[in-house]
């Protein structure tokens, strides 16, 4: 058994092998029924879009495989779910203990081809995102890259059926410490030993109602998605949920661009240099917008710039992004599972002026925040997982065709953290794309900085690095517009006033 301790003489972490204590054999537990929402994500896998959440941790110093294994064994495996396999059966999916669990199959070394730089690491991550996890084992892996830019890197892959991004960020943070010697735990406590009660969950009743509405849809068949008249009649039943569902049915496809198409197996990933969180907050306050509004507006501008570089007309274009919305308190993230909804956000890439575009994104988000769309989407996922797989495929295809990208913004810890005694210099992650969506954009904040990442289908967008290059310039346009505007403000200027300022 590996025991990790801090060697005061060498001032470094060390690993010692000690005899494994003799423990009574505990018989494996009976299989546990998988929730319908998690089942939906399990069955969503397809060769062109694997349902994996992938992350990268970069260290400016050496992290050994032994120390990584110890951290995973000691912290990650406290969550019993990660010792379990996801099993599909005709009667549904369930969780089963892996009687042959071997940590060596899940924590392993990976090598970069050629120089150990960012380009080679991006290539490795791209390959891993297109490589399925072994369904005969618990579907997660840590890949240690030793010697990356003189330090180390860890690529983490976890199947989406285990948990959503918010929960997995909390899981990953539970592996960390706030000091090098491991005396101060990170920002997330380990899971409690006893099961907590779910009583008092304010979303429980809403989720049940959304699931009922989704069940009504299943009973009516998918015909409602092909017949607008049926959707309108469904909406007139008088419920806010049915109205929201009708909006999804009547939404229609967004603008056609090179980002839309039939994705293949191969993927490409890229990530950008960070932007200071303080600068994003300052711009948001000045323009009466949230941090999320500012960042998503910069994303829209970067996509606009990329399409223009490729010679495409962007006049009047508006693409739609699927944006996850967390529906679970952070303190309950240790329960894992998927507890988030989705909203369809219109990104006005046809708007050239950065401030006018920001205000358009802000208004679109404001409308969505007051809607039941996230809960209805969660209810639909629950019904998809409970119904026949063929019906799930049909509904998923009909929903996914109305969007071009998946975009997510996850707030991370704003303090430096250590894993296995090594300082985490930066971190990034990517979410999978469902159906035929071929573009994913991720935003993650850590230690006072915001990082952007893109994953794209190689056939649709073979050079996501060029998309990434547009993020910082678009944000800088907002900074410039804010600095050049007249001060002091009694109220934030209008888009027309800011347009005049930018044109000076």
Protein backbone atom coordinates (compact mmCIF):
# COMPACT_ATOMS: atom_id res chain seq x y z
CA UNK A 1 0.00 0.00 0.00
CA UNK A 2 1.33 3.46 -0.91
CA UNK A 3 1.73 5.96 1.93
CA UNK A 4 2.57 9.57 1.09
CA UNK A 5 4.45 11.76 3.60
CA UNK A 6 6.47 14.99 3.62
CA UNK A 7 10.22 14.42 4.03
CA UNK A 8 11.47 17.33 6.16
CA UNK A 9 15.13 16.63 5.27
CA UNK A 10 14.63 16.63 1.52
CA UNK A 11 11.80 19.18 1.76
CA UNK A 12 9.74 17.20 -0.69
CA UNK A 13 7.00 14.63 -0.78
CA UNK A 14 7.98 10.99 -0.64
CA UNK A 15 6.20 7.68 -1.13
CA UNK A 16 6.69 4.61 1.04
CA UNK A 17 5.39 1.10 0.49
CA UNK A 18 3.96 -0.47 3.63
CA UNK A 19 2.26 -3.78 4.18
CA UNK A 20 -1.38 -3.82 3.21
CA UNK A 21 -3.52 -4.34 6.32
CA UNK A 22 -5.65 -7.45 6.34
CA UNK A 23 -9.23 -6.31 5.95
CA UNK A 24 -12.31 -8.49 6.02
CA UNK A 25 -13.67 -9.14 2.55
CA UNK A 26 -16.75 -7.04 1.89
CA UNK A 27 -19.12 -8.58 -0.62
CA UNK A 28 -20.01 -6.29 -3.56
CA UNK A 29 -23.21 -4.36 -3.19
CA UNK A 30 -26.21 -5.02 -5.36
CA UNK A 31 -26.37 -2.98 -8.55
CA UNK A 32 -27.82 0.50 -8.05
CA UNK A 33 -30.36 1.88 -10.48
CA UNK A 34 -28.98 4.79 -12.52
CA UNK A 35 -31.08 7.95 -12.63
CA UNK A 36 -32.92 8.60 -15.86
CA UNK A 37 -30.96 11.81 -16.53
CA UNK A 38 -27.61 10.03 -16.07
CA UNK A 39 -28.90 7.23 -18.29
CA UNK A 40 -29.66 9.76 -21.01
CA UNK A 41 -26.04 10.98 -20.94
CA UNK A 42 -24.73 7.41 -20.91
CA UNK A 43 -26.74 6.54 -24.02
CA UNK A 44 -25.79 9.78 -25.78
CA UNK A 45 -22.37 8.43 -26.76
CA UNK A 46 -21.65 8.24 -30.46
CA UNK A 47 -18.29 7.91 -32.28
CA UNK A 48 -18.47 11.50 -33.53
CA UNK A 49 -19.31 12.93 -30.09
CA UNK A 50 -18.15 11.01 -27.04
CA UNK A 51 -19.81 12.09 -23.80
CA UNK A 52 -16.61 12.82 -21.88
CA UNK A 53 -15.73 15.86 -19.83
CA UNK A 54 -12.03 16.45 -20.34
CA UNK A 55 -9.76 18.69 -18.29
CA UNK A 56 -6.09 19.69 -18.14
CA UNK A 57 -4.09 20.67 -15.05
CA UNK A 58 -0.69 22.26 -15.72
CA UNK A 59 2.09 22.34 -13.14
CA UNK A 60 5.26 24.39 -13.32
CA UNK A 61 7.07 21.68 -11.37
CA UNK A 62 7.45 17.91 -11.37
CA UNK A 63 4.55 15.73 -10.23
CA UNK A 64 5.39 12.05 -9.93
CA UNK A 65 3.05 9.22 -10.88
CA UNK A 66 3.22 7.86 -7.32
CA UNK A 67 2.07 11.15 -5.82
CA UNK A 68 -0.75 11.44 -8.35
CA UNK A 69 -1.90 7.89 -7.61
CA UNK A 70 -1.86 8.58 -3.90
CA UNK A 71 -3.97 11.74 -4.32
CA UNK A 72 -6.48 9.89 -6.49
CA UNK A 73 -6.66 6.92 -4.10
CA UNK A 74 -6.94 9.09 -1.00
CA UNK A 75 -9.33 11.79 -2.28
CA UNK A 76 -10.98 10.91 -5.59
CA UNK A 77 -11.94 7.38 -4.60
CA UNK A 78 -13.73 8.64 -1.50
CA UNK A 79 -16.58 9.03 -3.96
CA UNK A 80 -17.73 5.42 -4.22
CA UNK A 81 -19.22 6.07 -7.65
CA UNK A 82 -15.76 6.11 -9.21
CA UNK A 83 -15.24 2.47 -8.25
CA UNK A 84 -18.39 1.53 -10.16
CA UNK A 85 -19.09 0.64 -13.77
CA UNK A 86 -21.98 2.03 -15.78
CA UNK A 87 -23.89 -0.96 -17.14
CA UNK A 88 -26.57 -0.78 -19.82
CA UNK A 89 -29.32 -3.40 -19.86
CA UNK A 90 -32.65 -3.81 -21.69
CA UNK A 91 -34.51 -2.75 -18.55
CA UNK A 92 -32.36 0.36 -18.04
CA UNK A 93 -28.90 1.31 -16.79
CA UNK A 94 -27.39 0.71 -13.37
CA UNK A 95 -24.20 1.17 -11.34
CA UNK A 96 -22.24 -1.95 -10.38
CA UNK A 97 -19.09 -2.28 -8.26
CA UNK A 98 -16.02 -3.25 -10.28
CA UNK A 99 -14.72 -6.42 -8.57
CA UNK A 100 -11.43 -6.17 -10.48
CA UNK A 101 -10.83 -2.47 -9.88
CA UNK A 102 -7.18 -1.60 -10.52
CA UNK A 103 -5.98 1.97 -10.12
CA UNK A 104 -3.17 1.33 -12.62
CA UNK A 105 -5.80 1.12 -15.35
CA UNK A 106 -7.04 4.60 -14.47
CA UNK A 107 -3.94 6.58 -13.49
CA UNK A 108 -1.17 6.21 -16.04
CA UNK A 109 1.60 7.99 -17.91
CA UNK A 110 1.17 9.59 -21.31
CA UNK A 111 3.90 10.77 -23.65
CA UNK A 112 3.97 13.70 -26.04
CA UNK A 113 5.27 13.27 -29.55
CA UNK A 114 8.17 15.58 -30.31
CA UNK A 115 8.83 18.65 -28.18
CA UNK A 116 7.03 18.80 -24.85
CA UNK A 117 5.21 22.06 -25.58
CA UNK A 118 1.69 23.42 -25.80
CA UNK A 119 1.11 22.30 -29.40
CA UNK A 120 2.03 18.71 -28.53
CA UNK A 121 -0.18 18.76 -25.43
CA UNK A 122 -3.11 20.09 -27.48
CA UNK A 123 -2.56 17.22 -29.92
CA UNK A 124 -2.60 14.66 -27.09
CA UNK A 125 -5.80 16.12 -25.62
CA UNK A 126 -7.40 16.10 -29.08
CA UNK A 127 -6.59 12.41 -29.49
CA UNK A 128 -7.84 11.51 -26.02
CA UNK A 129 -11.13 13.34 -26.60
CA UNK A 130 -11.74 11.11 -29.62
CA UNK A 131 -10.78 7.90 -27.77
CA UNK A 132 -13.62 6.08 -25.96
CA UNK A 133 -13.27 5.08 -22.33
CA UNK A 134 -13.45 1.35 -21.59
CA UNK A 135 -17.08 0.54 -20.61
CA UNK A 136 -15.98 -2.67 -18.86
CA UNK A 137 -14.32 -0.50 -16.19
CA UNK A 138 -15.28 2.68 -14.34
CA UNK A 139 -15.16 5.27 -17.11
CA UNK A 140 -12.52 7.76 -15.99
CA UNK A 141 -8.76 8.20 -16.38
CA UNK A 142 -5.92 10.48 -15.27
CA UNK A 143 -3.03 10.78 -17.77
CA UNK A 144 0.22 12.18 -16.35
CA UNK A 145 2.51 13.99 -18.81
CA UNK A 146 5.95 14.24 -17.23
CA UNK A 147 8.39 16.90 -18.39
CA UNK A 148 5.78 19.19 -19.95
CA UNK A 149 7.53 22.56 -20.40
CA UNK A 150 9.88 21.61 -17.58
CA UNK A 151 7.02 20.72 -15.25
CA UNK A 152 4.07 18.34 -15.57
CA UNK A 153 0.53 18.17 -16.90
CA UNK A 154 -2.42 15.93 -16.05
CA UNK A 155 -5.22 15.21 -18.51
CA UNK A 156 -8.43 14.03 -16.83
CA UNK A 157 -11.26 12.27 -18.67
CA UNK A 158 -14.57 11.41 -16.97
CA UNK A 159 -17.75 10.21 -18.64
CA UNK A 160 -20.65 12.64 -18.38
CA UNK A 161 -22.97 10.00 -16.89
CA UNK A 162 -21.01 10.21 -13.60
CA UNK A 163 -21.66 13.90 -13.02
CA UNK A 164 -22.06 17.30 -14.62
CA UNK A 165 -19.30 19.89 -14.94
CA UNK A 166 -20.20 21.79 -11.76
CA UNK A 167 -20.06 18.62 -9.66
CA UNK A 168 -16.84 17.41 -11.28
CA UNK A 169 -15.10 20.72 -10.65
CA UNK A 170 -15.96 20.26 -6.96
CA UNK A 171 -14.65 16.69 -7.11
CA UNK A 172 -11.37 17.81 -8.66
CA UNK A 173 -10.97 20.58 -6.09
CA UNK A 174 -11.41 18.03 -3.30
CA UNK A 175 -8.08 16.52 -4.45
CA UNK A 176 -6.26 19.78 -3.78
CA UNK A 177 -4.67 21.54 -0.84
CA UNK A 178 -4.17 25.23 -0.11
CA UNK A 179 -0.52 24.69 0.87
CA UNK A 180 2.33 22.62 -0.48
CA UNK A 181 2.63 20.33 2.55
CA UNK A 182 -1.04 19.37 2.52
CA UNK A 183 -1.76 20.82 5.96
CA UNK A 184 -4.56 23.12 4.74
CA UNK A 185 -7.31 21.49 2.68
CA UNK A 186 -8.54 23.01 -0.56
CA UNK A 187 -11.80 24.91 -0.94
CA UNK A 188 -14.03 21.83 -1.15
CA UNK A 189 -14.54 19.44 1.79
CA UNK A 190 -14.65 15.68 1.19
CA UNK A 191 -18.04 14.00 0.87
CA UNK A 192 -19.77 13.33 4.19
CA UNK A 193 -19.68 9.80 5.55
CA UNK A 194 -23.42 9.61 6.00
CA UNK A 195 -26.01 10.20 3.38
CA UNK A 196 -27.64 13.59 3.59
CA UNK A 197 -31.38 14.06 3.38
CA UNK A 198 -32.79 15.55 0.19
CA UNK A 199 -35.73 17.06 2.08
CA UNK A 200 -36.26 20.73 1.47
CA UNK A 201 -34.90 20.75 -2.08
CA UNK A 202 -36.70 23.75 -3.61
CA UNK A 203 -36.29 22.33 -7.10
CA UNK A 204 -37.76 18.90 -6.38
CA UNK A 205 -41.36 19.87 -7.17
CA UNK A 206 -40.35 21.84 -10.24
CA UNK A 207 -38.29 18.93 -11.54
CA UNK A 208 -41.20 16.53 -11.05
CA UNK A 209 -43.49 18.88 -12.97
CA UNK A 210 -40.96 19.23 -15.80
CA UNK A 211 -40.64 15.45 -15.98
CA UNK A 212 -44.43 15.14 -16.18
CA UNK A 213 -44.55 17.61 -19.06
CA UNK A 214 -41.81 15.65 -20.78
CA UNK A 215 -43.79 12.45 -20.21
CA UNK A 216 -46.80 14.06 -21.88
CA UNK A 217 -44.58 14.75 -24.86
CA UNK A 218 -43.49 11.12 -25.04
CA UNK A 219 -47.12 9.98 -24.97
CA UNK A 220 -47.92 12.26 -27.88
CA UNK A 221 -44.94 10.97 -29.81
CA UNK A 222 -42.36 13.07 -31.62
CA UNK A 223 -44.98 14.32 -34.07
CA UNK A 224 -45.30 17.53 -32.06
CA UNK A 225 -41.76 18.43 -33.12
CA UNK A 226 -42.69 18.21 -36.80
CA UNK A 227 -46.08 19.92 -36.66
CA UNK A 228 -46.11 23.56 -35.45
CA UNK A 229 -49.90 23.50 -35.14
CA UNK A 230 -49.67 20.70 -32.58
CA UNK A 231 -47.03 22.65 -30.68
CA UNK A 232 -49.25 25.73 -30.53
CA UNK A 233 -52.17 23.64 -29.32
CA UNK A 234 -49.93 22.06 -26.69
CA UNK A 235 -48.87 25.52 -25.46
CA UNK A 236 -52.50 26.61 -25.06
CA UNK A 237 -52.96 24.08 -22.27
CA UNK A 238 -52.08 27.02 -20.02
CA UNK A 239 -48.95 25.91 -18.14
CA UNK A 240 -45.72 27.91 -18.12
CA UNK A 241 -43.95 24.61 -18.73
CA UNK A 242 -46.00 23.79 -21.82
CA UNK A 243 -45.41 27.30 -23.15
CA UNK A 244 -41.66 26.87 -22.71
CA UNK A 245 -41.76 23.48 -24.36
CA UNK A 246 -43.67 24.94 -27.30
CA UNK A 247 -40.97 27.59 -27.69
CA UNK A 248 -38.37 24.84 -28.01
CA UNK A 249 -40.49 23.09 -30.64
CA UNK A 250 -41.09 26.26 -32.67
CA UNK A 251 -37.53 27.59 -32.31
CA UNK A 252 -36.19 26.48 -35.68
CA UNK A 253 -32.58 26.22 -36.80
CA UNK A 254 -30.07 29.02 -36.33
CA UNK A 255 -27.90 30.55 -39.08
CA UNK A 256 -25.91 28.18 -41.26
CA UNK A 257 -22.15 28.63 -40.96
CA UNK A 258 -19.09 26.45 -41.48
CA UNK A 259 -19.44 25.39 -37.83
CA UNK A 260 -22.61 23.41 -38.64
CA UNK A 261 -22.47 20.06 -40.39
CA UNK A 262 -21.97 16.36 -39.87
CA UNK A 263 -19.10 15.92 -37.38
CA UNK A 264 -16.55 13.15 -37.71
CA UNK A 265 -14.48 11.31 -35.12
CA UNK A 266 -11.36 13.49 -35.05
CA UNK A 267 -11.33 16.55 -32.76
CA UNK A 268 -9.10 19.57 -32.28
CA UNK A 269 -8.67 21.50 -29.03
CA UNK A 270 -7.00 24.80 -28.18
CA UNK A 271 -6.82 27.15 -25.23
CA UNK A 272 -5.91 30.81 -24.94
CA UNK A 273 -3.70 32.91 -22.72
CA UNK A 274 -5.63 34.05 -19.63
CA UNK A 275 -7.39 37.36 -18.97
CA UNK A 276 -7.46 38.95 -15.51
CA UNK A 277 -10.77 38.44 -13.68
CA UNK A 278 -10.47 41.93 -12.22
CA UNK A 279 -10.48 43.46 -15.71
CA UNK A 280 -13.57 41.50 -16.72
CA UNK A 281 -15.36 42.60 -13.55
CA UNK A 282 -14.40 46.24 -14.17
CA UNK A 283 -15.78 46.19 -17.71
CA UNK A 284 -18.94 44.45 -16.54
CA UNK A 285 -19.56 47.04 -13.82
CA UNK A 286 -18.90 49.92 -16.21
CA UNK A 287 -21.31 48.58 -18.80
CA UNK A 288 -23.91 47.33 -16.31
CA UNK A 289 -23.40 43.73 -17.42
CA UNK A 290 -22.45 40.49 -15.71
CA UNK A 291 -19.08 38.79 -16.08
CA UNK A 292 -20.85 36.07 -18.05
CA UNK A 293 -22.35 38.64 -20.44
CA UNK A 294 -18.94 40.16 -21.10
CA UNK A 295 -17.27 36.79 -21.71
CA UNK A 296 -20.01 35.39 -23.96
CA UNK A 297 -20.03 38.61 -25.96
CA UNK A 298 -16.29 38.24 -26.47
CA UNK A 299 -16.89 34.65 -27.62
CA UNK A 300 -19.44 35.87 -30.16
CA UNK A 301 -16.95 38.44 -31.44
CA UNK A 302 -14.21 35.82 -31.77
CA UNK A 303 -16.50 33.53 -33.79
CA UNK A 304 -17.45 36.49 -35.99
CA UNK A 305 -13.77 37.32 -36.64
CA UNK A 306 -12.98 33.69 -37.50
CA UNK A 307 -15.82 33.45 -40.05
CA UNK A 308 -14.74 36.73 -41.65
CA UNK A 309 -11.16 35.44 -41.92
CA UNK A 310 -12.56 32.44 -43.79
CA UNK A 311 -14.34 34.74 -46.24
CA UNK A 312 -17.86 34.12 -44.96
CA UNK A 313 -20.47 36.85 -44.79
CA UNK A 314 -21.65 37.50 -41.23
CA UNK A 315 -24.24 40.14 -42.07
CA UNK A 316 -27.33 39.56 -39.95
CA UNK A 317 -26.11 36.19 -38.64
CA UNK A 318 -27.08 34.86 -35.24
CA UNK A 319 -25.89 31.47 -34.07
CA UNK A 320 -27.33 29.64 -31.10
CA UNK A 321 -25.41 28.09 -28.21
CA UNK A 322 -26.58 25.50 -25.73
CA UNK A 323 -25.59 26.88 -22.33
CA UNK A 324 -25.76 24.63 -19.23
CA UNK A 325 -27.49 26.12 -16.18
CA UNK A 326 -26.68 24.68 -12.76
CA UNK A 327 -29.78 23.60 -10.80
CA UNK A 328 -28.07 22.27 -7.68
CA UNK A 329 -26.51 23.99 -4.65
CA UNK A 330 -22.71 23.73 -4.67
CA UNK A 331 -22.69 22.10 -1.23
CA UNK A 332 -24.55 19.11 -2.68
CA UNK A 333 -22.13 18.57 -5.58
CA UNK A 334 -20.60 15.58 -3.75
CA UNK A 335 -23.74 13.60 -4.63
CA UNK A 336 -22.54 13.61 -8.25
CA UNK A 337 -25.03 12.88 -11.01
CA UNK A 338 -26.35 15.41 -13.52
CA UNK A 339 -28.52 18.19 -12.18
CA UNK A 340 -28.44 20.97 -14.73
CA UNK A 341 -30.69 22.37 -17.39
CA UNK A 342 -29.96 23.92 -20.77
CA UNK A 343 -30.91 27.18 -22.43
CA UNK A 344 -30.64 28.13 -26.09
CA UNK A 345 -28.75 31.44 -26.18
CA UNK A 346 -28.71 33.53 -29.36
CA UNK A 347 -25.28 35.00 -30.09
CA UNK A 348 -25.58 37.95 -32.51
CA UNK A 349 -22.36 37.50 -34.47
CA UNK A 350 -23.80 39.76 -37.16
CA UNK A 351 -23.37 42.81 -34.87
CA UNK A 352 -20.02 44.51 -35.46
CA UNK A 353 -20.00 47.03 -32.61
CA UNK A 354 -18.68 45.23 -29.49
CA UNK A 355 -20.81 47.16 -27.00
CA UNK A 356 -23.99 46.82 -29.02
CA UNK A 357 -23.25 43.09 -29.25
CA UNK A 358 -22.70 42.95 -25.48
CA UNK A 359 -26.04 44.58 -24.79
CA UNK A 360 -27.78 42.18 -27.18
CA UNK A 361 -26.22 39.18 -25.38
CA UNK A 362 -27.18 40.71 -22.03
CA UNK A 363 -30.80 41.08 -23.10
CA UNK A 364 -30.95 37.53 -24.48
CA UNK A 365 -29.59 36.19 -21.19
CA UNK A 366 -32.04 38.31 -19.18
CA UNK A 367 -35.00 36.76 -20.99
CA UNK A 368 -33.66 33.24 -20.48
CA UNK A 369 -32.97 33.78 -16.76
CA UNK A 370 -36.65 34.43 -16.20
CA UNK A 371 -37.79 31.34 -18.09
CA UNK A 372 -38.46 27.71 -17.21
CA UNK A 373 -36.33 26.56 -20.13
CA UNK A 374 -33.52 25.06 -17.97
CA UNK A 375 -35.93 22.97 -15.90
CA UNK A 376 -37.94 21.88 -18.95
CA UNK A 377 -34.70 20.78 -20.64
CA UNK A 378 -33.73 18.78 -17.53
CA UNK A 379 -37.17 17.17 -17.51
CA UNK A 380 -36.79 16.22 -21.16
CA UNK A 381 -33.42 14.61 -20.43
CA UNK A 382 -35.01 12.63 -17.61
CA UNK A 383 -37.77 11.39 -19.89
CA UNK A 384 -35.28 10.60 -22.66
CA UNK A 385 -33.32 8.39 -20.27
CA UNK A 386 -36.47 6.62 -19.09
CA UNK A 387 -37.88 6.04 -22.57
CA UNK A 388 -36.69 3.92 -25.50
CA UNK A 389 -33.23 4.73 -26.84
CA UNK A 390 -34.53 5.20 -30.38
CA UNK A 391 -36.87 7.95 -29.18
CA UNK A 392 -34.01 9.61 -27.31
CA UNK A 393 -31.97 9.64 -30.54
CA UNK A 394 -34.83 11.29 -32.43
CA UNK A 395 -35.49 13.97 -29.84
CA UNK A 396 -31.79 14.68 -29.35
CA UNK A 397 -31.26 15.16 -33.09
CA UNK A 398 -34.24 17.51 -33.30
CA UNK A 399 -32.99 19.60 -30.37
CA UNK A 400 -29.33 19.67 -31.39
CA UNK A 401 -30.02 20.87 -34.94
CA UNK A 402 -31.24 24.18 -33.48
CA UNK A 403 -27.80 25.03 -32.05
CA UNK A 404 -24.27 25.47 -33.37
CA UNK A 405 -22.22 25.17 -30.20
CA UNK A 406 -22.16 24.20 -26.54
CA UNK A 407 -20.80 26.94 -24.30
CA UNK A 408 -20.20 26.78 -20.58
CA UNK A 409 -18.74 29.12 -17.97
CA UNK A 410 -17.62 27.58 -14.67
CA UNK A 411 -16.30 29.70 -11.79
CA UNK A 412 -13.27 28.08 -10.22
CA UNK A 413 -11.28 28.83 -7.04
CA UNK A 414 -9.62 32.23 -6.83
CA UNK A 415 -6.62 31.01 -4.83
CA UNK A 416 -3.55 28.99 -5.80
CA UNK A 417 -3.94 25.27 -5.10
CA UNK A 418 -1.64 22.25 -4.85
CA UNK A 419 -2.14 18.65 -5.90
CA UNK A 420 0.24 16.08 -4.46
CA UNK A 421 2.48 18.90 -3.26
CA UNK A 422 2.79 20.45 -6.75
CA UNK A 423 1.41 23.92 -7.50
CA UNK A 424 -1.35 24.01 -10.12
CA UNK A 425 -0.30 26.82 -12.45
CA UNK A 426 -3.38 26.71 -14.66
CA UNK A 427 -6.38 24.55 -15.49
CA UNK A 428 -8.79 24.16 -18.39
CA UNK A 429 -11.64 21.82 -19.36
CA UNK A 430 -13.90 20.98 -22.29
CA UNK A 431 -17.46 19.72 -22.37
CA UNK A 432 -18.78 17.25 -24.94
CA UNK A 433 -21.15 18.21 -27.74
CA UNK A 434 -24.39 16.30 -28.18
CA UNK A 435 -26.04 15.18 -31.40
CA UNK A 436 -24.34 16.68 -34.45
CA UNK A 437 -23.04 19.79 -32.71
CA UNK A 438 -19.38 20.19 -33.62
CA UNK A 439 -18.17 23.14 -31.54
CA UNK A 440 -17.65 23.60 -27.80
CA UNK A 441 -16.42 26.67 -25.92
CA UNK A 442 -15.41 26.51 -22.25
CA UNK A 443 -14.64 29.35 -19.86
CA UNK A 444 -12.99 28.67 -16.49
CA UNK A 445 -11.69 31.08 -13.87
CA UNK A 446 -8.84 30.15 -11.51
CA UNK A 447 -6.56 32.15 -9.24
CA UNK A 448 -7.62 35.56 -10.55
CA UNK A 449 -7.54 34.63 -14.23
CA UNK A 450 -10.10 33.59 -16.85
CA UNK A 451 -9.19 30.99 -19.46
CA UNK A 452 -10.92 30.15 -22.75
CA UNK A 453 -10.88 26.75 -24.41
CA UNK A 454 -12.32 25.50 -27.70
CA UNK A 455 -12.94 21.97 -28.93
CA UNK A 456 -14.05 21.57 -32.53
CA UNK A 457 -14.66 18.85 -35.07
CA UNK A 458 -11.60 18.64 -37.31
CA UNK A 459 -13.67 18.54 -40.48
CA UNK A 460 -15.75 21.60 -39.59
CA UNK A 461 -13.12 23.74 -37.83
CA UNK A 462 -9.61 22.27 -38.24
CA UNK A 463 -7.88 25.30 -36.66
CA UNK A 464 -9.63 26.24 -33.38
CA UNK A 465 -6.47 28.05 -32.36
CA UNK A 466 -7.49 30.81 -34.79
CA UNK A 467 -10.84 31.08 -33.02
CA UNK A 468 -9.01 31.35 -29.70
CA UNK A 469 -6.85 34.18 -31.04
CA UNK A 470 -9.94 36.37 -31.35
CA UNK A 471 -11.01 36.25 -27.67
CA UNK A 472 -8.48 38.71 -26.22
CA UNK A 473 -8.83 41.31 -29.02
CA UNK A 474 -12.62 41.30 -28.69
CA UNK A 475 -12.38 41.79 -24.94
CA UNK A 476 -9.83 44.56 -25.44
CA UNK A 477 -12.34 46.37 -27.67
CA UNK A 478 -14.75 46.45 -24.74
CA UNK A 479 -11.96 47.72 -22.47
CA UNK A 480 -11.09 50.46 -24.95
CA UNK A 481 -14.72 51.47 -25.38
CA UNK A 482 -15.07 51.74 -21.61
CA UNK A 483 -11.89 53.81 -21.18
CA UNK A 484 -12.74 56.22 -24.01
CA UNK A 485 -16.29 56.89 -22.89
CA UNK A 486 -17.08 60.16 -21.03
CA UNK A 487 -16.91 60.00 -17.23
CA UNK A 488 -18.51 60.16 -14.75
CA UNK A 489 -21.63 58.27 -15.80
CA UNK A 490 -25.00 58.84 -14.25
CA UNK A 491 -25.95 55.60 -15.97
CA UNK A 492 -24.19 53.26 -18.41
CA UNK A 493 -24.22 54.66 -21.96
CA UNK A 494 -26.43 53.24 -24.67
CA UNK A 495 -25.09 51.14 -27.50
CA UNK A 496 -25.48 54.13 -29.87
CA UNK A 497 -23.44 56.38 -27.57
CA UNK A 498 -20.73 53.74 -27.22
CA UNK A 499 -20.69 53.23 -30.99
CA UNK A 500 -19.88 56.92 -31.39
CA UNK A 501 -17.10 56.61 -28.81
CA UNK A 502 -15.57 53.55 -30.51
CA UNK A 503 -15.61 55.27 -33.89
CA UNK A 504 -13.55 58.25 -32.60
